[in-house]
């Protein structure tokens, strides 16, 4: 019985140690996305897929990228195969790559 309790303690301490190392990971250095980043990111990604995957017109995809009552500015660049959506102080860009579709550019890392 004593050996089983010791084994439980070792397993518990190993688990707690693993969780602590996950919480303090140095990979979690991306800037937190706020509501505007989310709004413009979603608009950019969806408009990019509309323009380059589904191959709809610019007018249709710009209207498709408008998010509810927000007047999001959607700019489609057919030559570069990018879509940039901006609203107030936030701007996000998605890029089309053949075989992968549209990928949203990541938020910049913290300094």
PDB file of N, CA and C in Angstrom:
ATOM      1  N   UNK A   1       0.827  -1.190   0.000  1.00  0.00           N
ATOM      2  CA  UNK A   1       0.000   0.000   0.000  1.00  0.00           C
ATOM      3  C   UNK A   1       0.875   1.259   0.000  1.00  0.00           C
ATOM      4  N   UNK A   2       1.963   1.183   0.757  1.00  0.00           N
ATOM      5  CA  UNK A   2       2.867   2.321   0.844  1.00  0.00           C
ATOM      6  C   UNK A   2       3.521   2.596  -0.517  1.00  0.00           C
ATOM      7  N   UNK A   3       3.858   1.510  -1.247  1.00  0.00           N
ATOM      8  CA  UNK A   3       4.485   1.656  -2.561  1.00  0.00           C
ATOM      9  C   UNK A   3       3.519   2.279  -3.561  1.00  0.00           C
ATOM     10  N   UNK A   4       2.238   1.949  -3.459  1.00  0.00           N
ATOM     11  CA  UNK A   4       1.244   2.507  -4.367  1.00  0.00           C
ATOM     12  C   UNK A   4       1.088   4.003  -4.139  1.00  0.00           C
ATOM     13  N   UNK A   5       1.082   4.435  -2.875  1.00  0.00           N
ATOM     14  CA  UNK A   5       0.989   5.871  -2.571  1.00  0.00           C
ATOM     15  C   UNK A   5       2.214   6.610  -3.109  1.00  0.00           C
ATOM     16  N   UNK A   6       3.377   6.021  -2.970  1.00  0.00           N
ATOM     17  CA  UNK A   6       4.597   6.648  -3.481  1.00  0.00           C
ATOM     18  C   UNK A   6       4.536   6.769  -5.006  1.00  0.00           C
ATOM     19  N   UNK A   7       4.037   5.714  -5.639  1.00  0.00           N
ATOM     20  CA  UNK A   7       3.906   5.748  -7.087  1.00  0.00           C
ATOM     21  C   UNK A   7       2.925   6.829  -7.524  1.00  0.00           C
ATOM     22  N   UNK A   8       1.816   6.976  -6.806  1.00  0.00           N
ATOM     23  CA  UNK A   8       0.846   8.023  -7.113  1.00  0.00           C
ATOM     24  C   UNK A   8       1.471   9.409  -6.970  1.00  0.00           C
ATOM     25  N   UNK A   9       2.296   9.592  -5.952  1.00  0.00           N
ATOM     26  CA  UNK A   9       2.964  10.881  -5.744  1.00  0.00           C
ATOM     27  C   UNK A   9       3.917  11.189  -6.901  1.00  0.00           C
ATOM     28  N   UNK A  10       4.658  10.182  -7.351  1.00  0.00           N
ATOM     29  CA  UNK A  10       5.601  10.380  -8.451  1.00  0.00           C
ATOM     30  C   UNK A  10       4.852  10.743  -9.737  1.00  0.00           C
ATOM     31  N   UNK A  11       3.775  10.039 -10.011  1.00  0.00           N
ATOM     32  CA  UNK A  11       2.978  10.320 -11.203  1.00  0.00           C
ATOM     33  C   UNK A  11       2.377  11.719 -11.123  1.00  0.00           C
ATOM     34  N   UNK A  12       1.844  12.078  -9.952  1.00  0.00           N
ATOM     35  CA  UNK A  12       1.248  13.397  -9.769  1.00  0.00           C
ATOM     36  C   UNK A  12       2.285  14.496  -9.936  1.00  0.00           C
ATOM     37  N   UNK A  13       3.461  14.339  -9.344  1.00  0.00           N
ATOM     38  CA  UNK A  13       4.512  15.348  -9.464  1.00  0.00           C
ATOM     39  C   UNK A  13       5.011  15.464 -10.897  1.00  0.00           C
ATOM     40  N   UNK A  14       5.095  14.346 -11.606  1.00  0.00           N
ATOM     41  CA  UNK A  14       5.501  14.391 -13.013  1.00  0.00           C
ATOM     42  C   UNK A  14       4.484  15.141 -13.844  1.00  0.00           C
ATOM     43  N   UNK A  15       3.208  14.884 -13.578  1.00  0.00           N
ATOM     44  CA  UNK A  15       2.143  15.565 -14.304  1.00  0.00           C
ATOM     45  C   UNK A  15       2.164  17.067 -14.033  1.00  0.00           C
ATOM     46  N   UNK A  16       2.302  17.446 -12.771  1.00  0.00           N
ATOM     47  CA  UNK A  16       2.342  18.872 -12.400  1.00  0.00           C
ATOM     48  C   UNK A  16       3.553  19.546 -13.043  1.00  0.00           C
ATOM     49  N   UNK A  17       4.684  18.872 -13.052  1.00  0.00           N
ATOM     50  CA  UNK A  17       5.887  19.427 -13.683  1.00  0.00           C
ATOM     51  C   UNK A  17       5.701  19.626 -15.173  1.00  0.00           C
ATOM     52  N   UNK A  18       5.053  18.661 -15.823  1.00  0.00           N
ATOM     53  CA  UNK A  18       4.794  18.790 -17.258  1.00  0.00           C
ATOM     54  C   UNK A  18       3.873  19.956 -17.558  1.00  0.00           C
ATOM     55  N   UNK A  19       2.837  20.113 -16.742  1.00  0.00           N
ATOM     56  CA  UNK A  19       1.902  21.231 -16.940  1.00  0.00           C
ATOM     57  C   UNK A  19       2.594  22.564 -16.736  1.00  0.00           C
ATOM     58  N   UNK A  20       3.456  22.655 -15.737  1.00  0.00           N
ATOM     59  CA  UNK A  20       4.174  23.896 -15.468  1.00  0.00           C
ATOM     60  C   UNK A  20       5.071  24.258 -16.638  1.00  0.00           C
ATOM     61  N   UNK A  21       5.730  23.269 -17.221  1.00  0.00           N
ATOM     62  CA  UNK A  21       6.600  23.577 -18.359  1.00  0.00           C
ATOM     63  C   UNK A  21       5.795  24.007 -19.575  1.00  0.00           C
ATOM     64  N   UNK A  22       4.601  23.477 -19.755  1.00  0.00           N
ATOM     65  CA  UNK A  22       3.750  23.909 -20.853  1.00  0.00           C
ATOM     66  C   UNK A  22       3.284  25.341 -20.671  1.00  0.00           C
ATOM     67  N   UNK A  23       2.954  25.698 -19.444  1.00  0.00           N
ATOM     68  CA  UNK A  23       2.460  27.044 -19.172  1.00  0.00           C
ATOM     69  C   UNK A  23       3.538  28.098 -19.322  1.00  0.00           C
ATOM     70  N   UNK A  24       4.791  27.724 -19.117  1.00  0.00           N
ATOM     71  CA  UNK A  24       5.872  28.702 -19.201  1.00  0.00           C
ATOM     72  C   UNK A  24       6.654  28.576 -20.502  1.00  0.00           C
ATOM     73  N   UNK A  25       6.035  27.992 -21.509  1.00  0.00           N
ATOM     74  CA  UNK A  25       6.699  27.791 -22.786  1.00  0.00           C
ATOM     75  C   UNK A  25       7.105  29.127 -23.407  1.00  0.00           C
ATOM     76  N   UNK A  26       8.283  29.149 -24.006  1.00  0.00           N
ATOM     77  CA  UNK A  26       8.749  30.379 -24.654  1.00  0.00           C
ATOM     78  C   UNK A  26       8.168  30.548 -26.048  1.00  0.00           C
ATOM     79  N   UNK A  27       7.391  29.592 -26.513  1.00  0.00           N
ATOM     80  CA  UNK A  27       6.784  29.700 -27.829  1.00  0.00           C
ATOM     81  C   UNK A  27       5.534  30.570 -27.820  1.00  0.00           C
ATOM     82  N   UNK A  28       5.012  30.875 -26.682  1.00  0.00           N
ATOM     83  CA  UNK A  28       3.790  31.674 -26.575  1.00  0.00           C
ATOM     84  C   UNK A  28       4.147  33.155 -26.593  1.00  0.00           C
ATOM     85  N   UNK A  29       4.775  33.599 -27.678  1.00  0.00           N
ATOM     86  CA  UNK A  29       5.231  34.985 -27.729  1.00  0.00           C
ATOM     87  C   UNK A  29       4.479  35.830 -28.752  1.00  0.00           C
ATOM     88  N   UNK A  30       3.450  35.281 -29.371  1.00  0.00           N
ATOM     89  CA  UNK A  30       2.670  36.054 -30.334  1.00  0.00           C
ATOM     90  C   UNK A  30       1.810  37.073 -29.605  1.00  0.00           C
ATOM     91  N   UNK A  31       1.592  38.174 -30.279  1.00  0.00           N
ATOM     92  CA  UNK A  31       0.764  39.220 -29.697  1.00  0.00           C
ATOM     93  C   UNK A  31      -0.680  38.739 -29.617  1.00  0.00           C
ATOM     94  N   UNK A  32      -1.368  39.077 -28.540  1.00  0.00           N
ATOM     95  CA  UNK A  32      -2.771  38.702 -28.398  1.00  0.00           C
ATOM     96  C   UNK A  32      -3.602  39.390 -29.470  1.00  0.00           C
ATOM     97  N   UNK A  33      -4.495  38.631 -30.085  1.00  0.00           N
ATOM     98  CA  UNK A  33      -5.393  39.199 -31.089  1.00  0.00           C
ATOM     99  C   UNK A  33      -6.550  39.887 -30.380  1.00  0.00           C
ATOM    100  N   UNK A  34      -6.829  41.112 -30.760  1.00  0.00           N
ATOM    101  CA  UNK A  34      -7.984  41.799 -30.195  1.00  0.00           C
ATOM    102  C   UNK A  34      -9.164  41.656 -31.152  1.00  0.00           C
ATOM    103  N   UNK A  35     -10.257  42.269 -30.835  1.00  0.00           N
ATOM    104  CA  UNK A  35     -11.467  42.140 -31.643  1.00  0.00           C
ATOM    105  C   UNK A  35     -11.242  42.653 -33.067  1.00  0.00           C
ATOM    106  N   UNK A  36     -10.509  43.734 -33.219  1.00  0.00           N
ATOM    107  CA  UNK A  36     -10.264  44.281 -34.560  1.00  0.00           C
ATOM    108  C   UNK A  36      -9.379  43.357 -35.388  1.00  0.00           C
ATOM    109  N   UNK A  37      -8.379  42.735 -34.760  1.00  0.00           N
ATOM    110  CA  UNK A  37      -7.544  41.766 -35.479  1.00  0.00           C
ATOM    111  C   UNK A  37      -8.379  40.577 -35.943  1.00  0.00           C
ATOM    112  N   UNK A  38      -9.268  40.128 -35.092  1.00  0.00           N
ATOM    113  CA  UNK A  38     -10.133  39.004 -35.436  1.00  0.00           C
ATOM    114  C   UNK A  38     -11.082  39.382 -36.572  1.00  0.00           C
ATOM    115  N   UNK A  39     -11.687  40.550 -36.483  1.00  0.00           N
ATOM    116  CA  UNK A  39     -12.612  41.033 -37.502  1.00  0.00           C
ATOM    117  C   UNK A  39     -11.936  41.145 -38.867  1.00  0.00           C
ATOM    118  N   UNK A  40     -10.796  41.821 -38.920  1.00  0.00           N
ATOM    119  CA  UNK A  40     -10.112  42.018 -40.204  1.00  0.00           C
ATOM    120  C   UNK A  40      -9.463  40.730 -40.703  1.00  0.00           C
ATOM    121  N   UNK A  41      -9.006  39.881 -39.795  1.00  0.00           N
ATOM    122  CA  UNK A  41      -8.428  38.603 -40.197  1.00  0.00           C
ATOM    123  C   UNK A  41      -9.458  37.693 -40.839  1.00  0.00           C
ATOM    124  N   UNK A  42     -10.621  37.596 -40.225  1.00  0.00           N
ATOM    125  CA  UNK A  42     -11.687  36.765 -40.767  1.00  0.00           C
ATOM    126  C   UNK A  42     -12.139  37.306 -42.124  1.00  0.00           C
ATOM    127  N   UNK A  43     -12.298  38.605 -42.221  1.00  0.00           N
ATOM    128  CA  UNK A  43     -12.710  39.233 -43.473  1.00  0.00           C
ATOM    129  C   UNK A  43     -11.687  38.969 -44.576  1.00  0.00           C
ATOM    130  N   UNK A  44     -10.417  39.118 -44.264  1.00  0.00           N
ATOM    131  CA  UNK A  44      -9.352  38.903 -45.237  1.00  0.00           C
ATOM    132  C   UNK A  44      -9.320  37.462 -45.714  1.00  0.00           C
ATOM    133  N   UNK A  45      -9.387  36.525 -44.796  1.00  0.00           N
ATOM    134  CA  UNK A  45      -9.325  35.098 -45.150  1.00  0.00           C
ATOM    135  C   UNK A  45     -10.524  34.674 -45.986  1.00  0.00           C
ATOM    136  N   UNK A  46     -11.712  35.080 -45.580  1.00  0.00           N
ATOM    137  CA  UNK A  46     -12.912  34.696 -46.315  1.00  0.00           C
ATOM    138  C   UNK A  46     -12.958  35.345 -47.704  1.00  0.00           C
ATOM    139  N   UNK A  47     -12.557  36.605 -47.793  1.00  0.00           N
ATOM    140  CA  UNK A  47     -12.544  37.291 -49.091  1.00  0.00           C
ATOM    141  C   UNK A  47     -11.498  36.684 -50.018  1.00  0.00           C
ATOM    142  N   UNK A  48     -10.366  36.286 -49.468  1.00  0.00           N
ATOM    143  CA  UNK A  48      -9.308  35.650 -50.251  1.00  0.00           C
ATOM    144  C   UNK A  48      -9.806  34.328 -50.829  1.00  0.00           C
ATOM    145  N   UNK A  49     -10.446  33.522 -50.003  1.00  0.00           N
ATOM    146  CA  UNK A  49     -10.998  32.250 -50.482  1.00  0.00           C
ATOM    147  C   UNK A  49     -12.066  32.484 -51.540  1.00  0.00           C
ATOM    148  N   UNK A  50     -12.858  33.506 -51.347  1.00  0.00           N
ATOM    149  CA  UNK A  50     -13.902  33.855 -52.307  1.00  0.00           C
ATOM    150  C   UNK A  50     -13.285  34.213 -53.664  1.00  0.00           C
ATOM    151  N   UNK A  51     -12.228  35.033 -53.636  1.00  0.00           N
ATOM    152  CA  UNK A  51     -11.629  35.531 -54.875  1.00  0.00           C
ATOM    153  C   UNK A  51     -10.784  34.484 -55.593  1.00  0.00           C
ATOM    154  N   UNK A  52      -9.966  33.723 -54.845  1.00  0.00           N
ATOM    155  CA  UNK A  52      -8.974  32.868 -55.493  1.00  0.00           C
ATOM    156  C   UNK A  52      -9.294  31.376 -55.458  1.00  0.00           C
ATOM    157  N   UNK A  53     -10.113  30.940 -54.533  1.00  0.00           N
ATOM    158  CA  UNK A  53     -10.493  29.524 -54.489  1.00  0.00           C
ATOM    159  C   UNK A  53     -11.795  29.319 -55.250  1.00  0.00           C
ATOM    160  N   UNK A  54     -12.806  30.134 -54.925  1.00  0.00           N
ATOM    161  CA  UNK A  54     -14.115  30.017 -55.573  1.00  0.00           C
ATOM    162  C   UNK A  54     -14.163  30.810 -56.877  1.00  0.00           C
ATOM    163  N   UNK A  55     -13.191  31.724 -57.055  1.00  0.00           N
ATOM    164  CA  UNK A  55     -13.025  32.521 -58.273  1.00  0.00           C
ATOM    165  C   UNK A  55     -14.242  33.391 -58.593  1.00  0.00           C
ATOM    166  N   UNK A  56     -14.724  34.092 -57.589  1.00  0.00           N
ATOM    167  CA  UNK A  56     -15.821  35.047 -57.776  1.00  0.00           C
ATOM    168  C   UNK A  56     -15.247  36.405 -58.173  1.00  0.00           C
ATOM    169  N   UNK A  57     -16.112  37.340 -58.522  1.00  0.00           N
ATOM    170  CA  UNK A  57     -15.677  38.688 -58.924  1.00  0.00           C
ATOM    171  C   UNK A  57     -15.212  39.479 -57.704  1.00  0.00           C
ATOM    172  N   UNK A  58     -14.429  40.526 -57.981  1.00  0.00           N
ATOM    173  CA  UNK A  58     -13.962  41.390 -56.896  1.00  0.00           C
ATOM    174  C   UNK A  58     -15.126  42.017 -56.149  1.00  0.00           C
ATOM    175  N   UNK A  59     -16.114  42.498 -56.875  1.00  0.00           N
ATOM    176  CA  UNK A  59     -17.266  43.154 -56.246  1.00  0.00           C
ATOM    177  C   UNK A  59     -17.995  42.192 -55.303  1.00  0.00           C
ATOM    178  N   UNK A  60     -18.195  40.968 -55.768  1.00  0.00           N
ATOM    179  CA  UNK A  60     -18.879  39.969 -54.946  1.00  0.00           C
ATOM    180  C   UNK A  60     -18.061  39.664 -53.679  1.00  0.00           C
ATOM    181  N   UNK A  61     -16.762  39.460 -53.846  1.00  0.00           N
ATOM    182  CA  UNK A  61     -15.914  39.087 -52.711  1.00  0.00           C
ATOM    183  C   UNK A  61     -15.712  40.240 -51.727  1.00  0.00           C
ATOM    184  N   UNK A  62     -15.673  41.475 -52.228  1.00  0.00           N
ATOM    185  CA  UNK A  62     -15.592  42.622 -51.321  1.00  0.00           C
ATOM    186  C   UNK A  62     -16.851  42.724 -50.484  1.00  0.00           C
ATOM    187  N   UNK A  63     -18.004  42.513 -51.094  1.00  0.00           N
ATOM    188  CA  UNK A  63     -19.260  42.509 -50.342  1.00  0.00           C
ATOM    189  C   UNK A  63     -19.312  41.322 -49.386  1.00  0.00           C
ATOM    190  N   UNK A  64     -18.785  40.169 -49.822  1.00  0.00           N
ATOM    191  CA  UNK A  64     -18.750  38.968 -48.999  1.00  0.00           C
ATOM    192  C   UNK A  64     -17.881  39.179 -47.764  1.00  0.00           C
ATOM    193  N   UNK A  65     -16.812  39.979 -47.912  1.00  0.00           N
ATOM    194  CA  UNK A  65     -15.883  40.232 -46.808  1.00  0.00           C
ATOM    195  C   UNK A  65     -16.345  41.275 -45.815  1.00  0.00           C
ATOM    196  N   UNK A  66     -17.407  41.987 -46.130  1.00  0.00           N
ATOM    197  CA  UNK A  66     -17.949  42.973 -45.181  1.00  0.00           C
ATOM    198  C   UNK A  66     -18.550  42.216 -44.010  1.00  0.00           C
ATOM    199  N   UNK A  67     -18.235  42.630 -42.810  1.00  0.00           N
ATOM    200  CA  UNK A  67     -18.654  41.906 -41.622  1.00  0.00           C
ATOM    201  C   UNK A  67     -19.790  42.652 -40.924  1.00  0.00           C
ATOM    202  N   UNK A  68     -20.996  42.233 -41.191  1.00  0.00           N
ATOM    203  CA  UNK A  68     -22.158  42.830 -40.531  1.00  0.00           C
ATOM    204  C   UNK A  68     -22.257  44.315 -40.800  1.00  0.00           C
ATOM    205  N   UNK A  69     -22.373  45.098 -39.740  1.00  0.00           N
ATOM    206  CA  UNK A  69     -22.502  46.548 -39.851  1.00  0.00           C
ATOM    207  C   UNK A  69     -21.159  47.264 -39.902  1.00  0.00           C
ATOM    208  N   UNK A  70     -20.047  46.508 -39.886  1.00  0.00           N
ATOM    209  CA  UNK A  70     -18.722  47.126 -39.903  1.00  0.00           C
ATOM    210  C   UNK A  70     -18.322  47.427 -41.340  1.00  0.00           C
ATOM    211  N   UNK A  71     -17.856  48.637 -41.580  1.00  0.00           N
ATOM    212  CA  UNK A  71     -17.456  49.052 -42.917  1.00  0.00           C
ATOM    213  C   UNK A  71     -15.992  48.671 -43.142  1.00  0.00           C
ATOM    214  N   UNK A  72     -15.745  47.374 -43.281  1.00  0.00           N
ATOM    215  CA  UNK A  72     -14.394  46.854 -43.491  1.00  0.00           C
ATOM    216  C   UNK A  72     -13.972  47.166 -44.923  1.00  0.00           C
ATOM    217  N   UNK A  73     -12.770  47.711 -45.086  1.00  0.00           N
ATOM    218  CA  UNK A  73     -12.220  47.990 -46.408  1.00  0.00           C
ATOM    219  C   UNK A  73     -11.504  46.733 -46.892  1.00  0.00           C
ATOM    220  N   UNK A  74     -11.959  46.155 -47.993  1.00  0.00           N
ATOM    221  CA  UNK A  74     -11.393  44.923 -48.541  1.00  0.00           C
ATOM    222  C   UNK A  74     -10.703  45.252 -49.857  1.00  0.00           C
ATOM    223  N   UNK A  75      -9.370  45.034 -49.922  1.00  0.00           N
ATOM    224  CA  UNK A  75      -8.601  45.315 -51.134  1.00  0.00           C
ATOM    225  C   UNK A  75      -8.079  43.995 -51.695  1.00  0.00           C
ATOM    226  N   UNK A  76      -8.481  43.675 -52.917  1.00  0.00           N
ATOM    227  CA  UNK A  76      -8.076  42.443 -53.584  1.00  0.00           C
ATOM    228  C   UNK A  76      -7.009  42.774 -54.617  1.00  0.00           C
ATOM    229  N   UNK A  77      -5.850  42.135 -54.497  1.00  0.00           N
ATOM    230  CA  UNK A  77      -4.756  42.321 -55.449  1.00  0.00           C
ATOM    231  C   UNK A  77      -4.622  41.022 -56.242  1.00  0.00           C
ATOM    232  N   UNK A  78      -5.165  41.023 -57.455  1.00  0.00           N
ATOM    233  CA  UNK A  78      -5.163  39.817 -58.290  1.00  0.00           C
ATOM    234  C   UNK A  78      -3.751  39.411 -58.735  1.00  0.00           C
ATOM    235  N   UNK A  79      -2.872  40.384 -58.954  1.00  0.00           N
ATOM    236  CA  UNK A  79      -1.510  40.071 -59.399  1.00  0.00           C
ATOM    237  C   UNK A  79      -0.708  39.381 -58.293  1.00  0.00           C
ATOM    238  N   UNK A  80      -0.775  39.918 -57.075  1.00  0.00           N
ATOM    239  CA  UNK A  80      -0.038  39.341 -55.951  1.00  0.00           C
ATOM    240  C   UNK A  80      -0.794  38.196 -55.286  1.00  0.00           C
ATOM    241  N   UNK A  81      -2.065  38.018 -55.666  1.00  0.00           N
ATOM    242  CA  UNK A  81      -2.948  37.012 -55.074  1.00  0.00           C
ATOM    243  C   UNK A  81      -3.038  37.182 -53.552  1.00  0.00           C
ATOM    244  N   UNK A  82      -3.334  38.431 -53.149  1.00  0.00           N
ATOM    245  CA  UNK A  82      -3.507  38.748 -51.737  1.00  0.00           C
ATOM    246  C   UNK A  82      -4.806  39.520 -51.538  1.00  0.00           C
ATOM    247  N   UNK A  83      -5.314  39.460 -50.330  1.00  0.00           N
ATOM    248  CA  UNK A  83      -6.456  40.278 -49.929  1.00  0.00           C
ATOM    249  C   UNK A  83      -6.104  40.913 -48.592  1.00  0.00           C
ATOM    250  N   UNK A  84      -6.253  42.225 -48.518  1.00  0.00           N
ATOM    251  CA  UNK A  84      -6.001  42.949 -47.280  1.00  0.00           C
ATOM    252  C   UNK A  84      -7.299  43.592 -46.831  1.00  0.00           C
ATOM    253  N   UNK A  85      -7.681  43.290 -45.596  1.00  0.00           N
ATOM    254  CA  UNK A  85      -8.877  43.887 -45.002  1.00  0.00           C
ATOM    255  C   UNK A  85      -8.439  44.807 -43.878  1.00  0.00           C
ATOM    256  N   UNK A  86      -9.036  45.989 -43.825  1.00  0.00           N
ATOM    257  CA  UNK A  86      -8.682  46.928 -42.761  1.00  0.00           C
ATOM    258  C   UNK A  86      -9.937  47.581 -42.208  1.00  0.00           C
ATOM    259  N   UNK A  87      -9.843  47.884 -40.920  1.00  0.00           N
ATOM    260  CA  UNK A  87     -10.931  48.555 -40.224  1.00  0.00           C
ATOM    261  C   UNK A  87     -10.311  49.331 -39.070  1.00  0.00           C
ATOM    262  N   UNK A  88     -10.588  50.634 -39.035  1.00  0.00           N
ATOM    263  CA  UNK A  88      -9.992  51.527 -38.027  1.00  0.00           C
ATOM    264  C   UNK A  88      -8.475  51.381 -38.052  1.00  0.00           C
ATOM    265  N   UNK A  89      -7.842  50.896 -36.974  1.00  0.00           N
ATOM    266  CA  UNK A  89      -6.377  50.825 -36.911  1.00  0.00           C
ATOM    267  C   UNK A  89      -5.836  49.429 -37.202  1.00  0.00           C
ATOM    268  N   UNK A  90      -6.696  48.482 -37.548  1.00  0.00           N
ATOM    269  CA  UNK A  90      -6.266  47.101 -37.771  1.00  0.00           C
ATOM    270  C   UNK A  90      -6.295  46.750 -39.248  1.00  0.00           C
ATOM    271  N   UNK A  91      -5.276  46.011 -39.683  1.00  0.00           N
ATOM    272  CA  UNK A  91      -5.192  45.560 -41.061  1.00  0.00           C
ATOM    273  C   UNK A  91      -4.593  44.156 -41.066  1.00  0.00           C
ATOM    274  N   UNK A  92      -5.202  43.241 -41.835  1.00  0.00           N
ATOM    275  CA  UNK A  92      -4.699  41.865 -41.942  1.00  0.00           C
ATOM    276  C   UNK A  92      -4.690  41.461 -43.405  1.00  0.00           C
ATOM    277  N   UNK A  93      -3.729  40.625 -43.780  1.00  0.00           N
ATOM    278  CA  UNK A  93      -3.573  40.181 -45.152  1.00  0.00           C
ATOM    279  C   UNK A  93      -3.588  38.658 -45.234  1.00  0.00           C
ATOM    280  N   UNK A  94      -4.274  38.143 -46.259  1.00  0.00           N
ATOM    281  CA  UNK A  94      -4.273  36.716 -46.573  1.00  0.00           C
ATOM    282  C   UNK A  94      -3.654  36.539 -47.948  1.00  0.00           C
ATOM    283  N   UNK A  95      -2.948  35.415 -48.126  1.00  0.00           N
ATOM    284  CA  UNK A  95      -2.260  35.133 -49.384  1.00  0.00           C
ATOM    285  C   UNK A  95      -2.711  33.788 -49.936  1.00  0.00           C
ATOM    286  N   UNK A  96      -2.941  33.767 -51.235  1.00  0.00           N
ATOM    287  CA  UNK A  96      -3.312  32.529 -51.909  1.00  0.00           C
ATOM    288  C   UNK A  96      -2.065  31.823 -52.404  1.00  0.00           C
ATOM    289  N   UNK A  97      -1.958  30.531 -52.106  1.00  0.00           N
ATOM    290  CA  UNK A  97      -0.883  29.684 -52.604  1.00  0.00           C
ATOM    291  C   UNK A  97      -1.524  28.476 -53.258  1.00  0.00           C
ATOM    292  N   UNK A  98      -1.115  28.189 -54.485  1.00  0.00           N
ATOM    293  CA  UNK A  98      -1.671  27.045 -55.213  1.00  0.00           C
ATOM    294  C   UNK A  98      -1.459  25.767 -54.411  1.00  0.00           C
ATOM    295  N   UNK A  99      -2.493  24.985 -54.266  1.00  0.00           N
ATOM    296  CA  UNK A  99      -2.419  23.731 -53.538  1.00  0.00           C
ATOM    297  C   UNK A  99      -2.665  23.851 -52.043  1.00  0.00           C
ATOM    298  N   UNK A 100      -2.611  25.073 -51.515  1.00  0.00           N
ATOM    299  CA  UNK A 100      -2.852  25.295 -50.087  1.00  0.00           C
ATOM    300  C   UNK A 100      -4.074  26.151 -49.837  1.00  0.00           C
ATOM    301  N   UNK A 101      -4.431  26.976 -50.789  1.00  0.00           N
ATOM    302  CA  UNK A 101      -5.532  27.901 -50.584  1.00  0.00           C
ATOM    303  C   UNK A 101      -5.048  29.198 -49.970  1.00  0.00           C
ATOM    304  N   UNK A 102      -5.905  29.843 -49.209  1.00  0.00           N
ATOM    305  CA  UNK A 102      -5.579  31.131 -48.598  1.00  0.00           C
ATOM    306  C   UNK A 102      -5.116  30.949 -47.165  1.00  0.00           C
ATOM    307  N   UNK A 103      -4.023  31.607 -46.837  1.00  0.00           N
ATOM    308  CA  UNK A 103      -3.476  31.575 -45.486  1.00  0.00           C
ATOM    309  C   UNK A 103      -3.379  32.997 -44.965  1.00  0.00           C
ATOM    310  N   UNK A 104      -3.823  33.197 -43.746  1.00  0.00           N
ATOM    311  CA  UNK A 104      -3.768  34.498 -43.098  1.00  0.00           C
ATOM    312  C   UNK A 104      -2.373  34.744 -42.563  1.00  0.00           C
ATOM    313  N   UNK A 105      -1.804  35.908 -42.876  1.00  0.00           N
ATOM    314  CA  UNK A 105      -0.496  36.258 -42.321  1.00  0.00           C
ATOM    315  C   UNK A 105      -0.596  36.298 -40.799  1.00  0.00           C
ATOM    316  N   UNK A 106       0.430  35.828 -40.085  1.00  0.00           N
ATOM    317  CA  UNK A 106       0.371  35.839 -38.618  1.00  0.00           C
ATOM    318  C   UNK A 106       0.499  37.244 -38.050  1.00  0.00           C
ATOM    319  N   UNK A 107       0.013  37.404 -36.846  1.00  0.00           N
ATOM    320  CA  UNK A 107       0.239  38.661 -36.132  1.00  0.00           C
ATOM    321  C   UNK A 107       1.728  38.772 -35.823  1.00  0.00           C
ATOM    322  N   UNK A 108       2.263  39.969 -35.761  1.00  0.00           N
ATOM    323  CA  UNK A 108       3.691  40.118 -35.454  1.00  0.00           C
ATOM    324  C   UNK A 108       3.997  39.637 -34.041  1.00  0.00           C
ATOM    325  N   UNK A 109       5.224  39.105 -33.860  1.00  0.00           N
ATOM    326  CA  UNK A 109       5.649  38.649 -32.544  1.00  0.00           C
ATOM    327  C   UNK A 109       5.932  39.824 -31.637  1.00  0.00           C
ATOM    328  N   UNK A 110       5.862  39.595 -30.344  1.00  0.00           N
ATOM    329  CA  UNK A 110       6.201  40.616 -29.371  1.00  0.00           C
ATOM    330  C   UNK A 110       7.698  40.880 -29.434  1.00  0.00           C
ATOM    331  N   UNK A 111       8.109  42.117 -29.161  1.00  0.00           N
ATOM    332  CA  UNK A 111       9.571  42.404 -29.189  1.00  0.00           C
ATOM    333  C   UNK A 111      10.289  41.731 -28.049  1.00  0.00           C
TER     334      UNK A 111
END
